Every structure is written in structure tokens, then in C-alpha cells.
C-alpha atoms as a PDB file:
ATOM      1  CA  MET A   1      68.755  38.904 -68.993  1.00  0.00           C
ATOM      2  CA  ALA A   2      66.033  36.655 -68.643  1.00  0.00           C
ATOM      3  CA  TYR A   3      65.030  34.507 -65.347  1.00  0.00           C
ATOM      4  CA  ALA A   4      63.397  31.513 -65.166  1.00  0.00           C
ATOM      5  CA  LYS A   5      60.847  31.521 -62.409  1.00  0.00           C
ATOM      6  CA  VAL A   6      61.587  28.447 -59.963  1.00  0.00           C
ATOM      7  CA  MET A   7      58.576  26.442 -58.220  1.00  0.00           C
ATOM      8  CA  LYS A   8      59.667  25.046 -54.719  1.00  0.00           C
ATOM      9  CA  GLN A   9      58.141  21.974 -54.027  1.00  0.00           C
ATOM     10  CA  PRO A  10      56.713  20.989 -50.639  1.00  0.00           C
ATOM     11  CA  MET A  11      58.839  19.832 -48.568  1.00  0.00           C
ATOM     12  CA  GLU A  12      58.546  15.840 -48.121  1.00  0.00           C
ATOM     13  CA  ARG A  13      58.386  15.073 -44.014  1.00  0.00           C
ATOM     14  CA  ILE A  14      60.980  12.327 -43.002  1.00  0.00           C
ATOM     15  CA  ALA A  15      60.521  10.577 -40.153  1.00  0.00           C
ATOM     16  CA  VAL A  16      63.864   8.469 -38.718  1.00  0.00           C
ATOM     17  CA  LEU A  17      64.054   5.688 -36.378  1.00  0.00           C
ATOM     18  CA  VAL A  18      66.985   3.571 -34.946  1.00  0.00           C
ATOM     19  CA  ILE A  19      67.093   1.081 -33.048  1.00  0.00           C
ATOM     20  CA  ARG A  20      70.538  -0.169 -31.479  1.00  0.00           C
ATOM     21  CA  VAL A  21      69.505  -3.875 -29.261  1.00  0.00           C
ATOM     22  CA  TRP A  22      72.050  -6.100 -27.598  1.00  0.00           C
ATOM     23  CA  LEU A  23      72.651  -8.575 -24.666  1.00  0.00           C
ATOM     24  CA  GLU A  24      73.610  -8.332 -21.119  1.00  0.00           C
ATOM     25  CA  LYS A  25      74.448 -11.527 -19.454  1.00  0.00           C
ATOM     26  CA  ASN A  26      73.543 -10.966 -15.852  1.00  0.00           C
ATOM     27  CA  SER A  27      69.520 -10.164 -16.545  1.00  0.00           C
ATOM     28  CA  ALA A  28      66.964 -12.196 -16.431  1.00  0.00           C
ATOM     29  CA  SER A  29      65.882 -11.805 -20.146  1.00  0.00           C
ATOM     30  CA  GLY A  30      69.323 -10.165 -21.280  1.00  0.00           C
ATOM     31  CA  LEU A  31      67.321  -8.341 -23.909  1.00  0.00           C
ATOM     32  CA  ARG A  32      68.309  -4.640 -24.086  1.00  0.00           C
ATOM     33  CA  ALA A  33      67.255  -2.037 -26.499  1.00  0.00           C
ATOM     34  CA  ARG A  34      67.664   1.842 -27.173  1.00  0.00           C
ATOM     35  CA  ILE A  35      65.117   3.434 -29.356  1.00  0.00           C
ATOM     36  CA  THR A  36      65.594   6.840 -30.684  1.00  0.00           C
ATOM     37  CA  ARG A  37      63.153   7.994 -33.028  1.00  0.00           C
ATOM     38  CA  THR A  38      61.724  11.910 -34.736  1.00  0.00           C
ATOM     39  CA  ALA A  39      58.362  11.907 -36.878  1.00  0.00           C
ATOM     40  CA  ASP A  40      60.093  14.899 -38.278  1.00  0.00           C
ATOM     41  CA  VAL A  41      63.997  15.466 -39.050  1.00  0.00           C
ATOM     42  CA  ALA A  42      63.483  18.956 -39.658  1.00  0.00           C
ATOM     43  CA  THR A  43      62.442  19.590 -36.423  1.00  0.00           C
ATOM     44  CA  HIS A  44      65.688  17.673 -34.780  1.00  0.00           C
ATOM     45  CA  ASP A  45      63.568  16.571 -31.806  1.00  0.00           C
ATOM     46  CA  GLU A  46      64.492  13.495 -31.067  1.00  0.00           C
ATOM     47  CA  ILE A  47      62.606  10.927 -28.311  1.00  0.00           C
ATOM     48  CA  VAL A  48      65.254   8.220 -26.931  1.00  0.00           C
ATOM     49  CA  THR A  49      63.692   4.998 -25.348  1.00  0.00           C
ATOM     50  CA  ALA A  50      65.105   2.555 -23.397  1.00  0.00           C
ATOM     51  CA  ALA A  51      63.642  -1.765 -23.854  1.00  0.00           C
ATOM     52  CA  ALA A  52      64.268  -4.999 -22.692  1.00  0.00           C
ATOM     53  CA  THR A  53      61.521  -7.165 -24.411  1.00  0.00           C
ATOM     54  CA  VAL A  54      60.712  -7.765 -28.199  1.00  0.00           C
ATOM     55  CA  ASP A  55      57.087  -6.727 -27.032  1.00  0.00           C
ATOM     56  CA  GLU A  56      58.390  -3.182 -25.383  1.00  0.00           C
ATOM     57  CA  ILE A  57      60.316  -2.504 -28.512  1.00  0.00           C
ATOM     58  CA  LEU A  58      57.486  -3.427 -30.725  1.00  0.00           C
ATOM     59  CA  ALA A  59      55.058  -1.402 -29.095  1.00  0.00           C
ATOM     60  CA  VAL A  60      57.225   1.918 -29.649  1.00  0.00           C
ATOM     61  CA  VAL A  61      57.706   1.327 -33.061  1.00  0.00           C
ATOM     62  CA  ARG A  62      53.786   0.590 -33.412  1.00  0.00           C
ATOM     63  CA  THR A  63      52.920   4.176 -32.040  1.00  0.00           C
ATOM     64  CA  TRP A  64      56.270   6.074 -34.069  1.00  0.00           C
ATOM     65  CA  LEU A  65      54.485   4.735 -37.508  1.00  0.00           C
ATOM     66  CA  ASP A  66      51.037   5.565 -36.302  1.00  0.00           C
ATOM     67  CA  THR A  67      52.067   9.054 -34.692  1.00  0.00           C
ATOM     68  CA  PHE A  68      53.928   9.346 -38.598  1.00  0.00           C
ATOM     69  CA  GLU A  69      50.896   8.227 -40.609  1.00  0.00           C
ATOM     70  CA  THR A  70      48.157  10.550 -38.560  1.00  0.00           C
ATOM     71  CA  THR A  71      50.436  14.281 -38.098  1.00  0.00           C
END
């Protein structure tokens, strides 16, 4: 019986970021966000952040992307 040699491909690193947004009627800006992210789904390490402005949300996204690119 002949056996084929199977070469393993290196694992592809995959990052995920989910933004859940909603509006609250009784607050100044009304905008709220819950951001769940990981830089590598293989680690199962999640970071959850809350934000209340567009600038805060964008800052979290930018930091997440910068981290993904540099690690």
C-alpha cells in the first residue's frame, strides 16, 4: 500500500470584529455600541468594549486593524 505525503499548510490567521449598535432615547447622543473582537480566532480570546460616539467606535476599529497588521 502506498502512502501519499500530506503537507500541512500554515494556519491562516483570522481576526473578527462585530459591532452591535442601537439608539437610546434618554441619552445625550443616543448612540451606543458593543464591540466584540479578537485578533486571532484560534486563541478564543475576546475583548468586549462599549462605545457611545462614532469617534469611539472608529478608534476601536482602527486599533484592532493596526494590531492585526503588526502582530
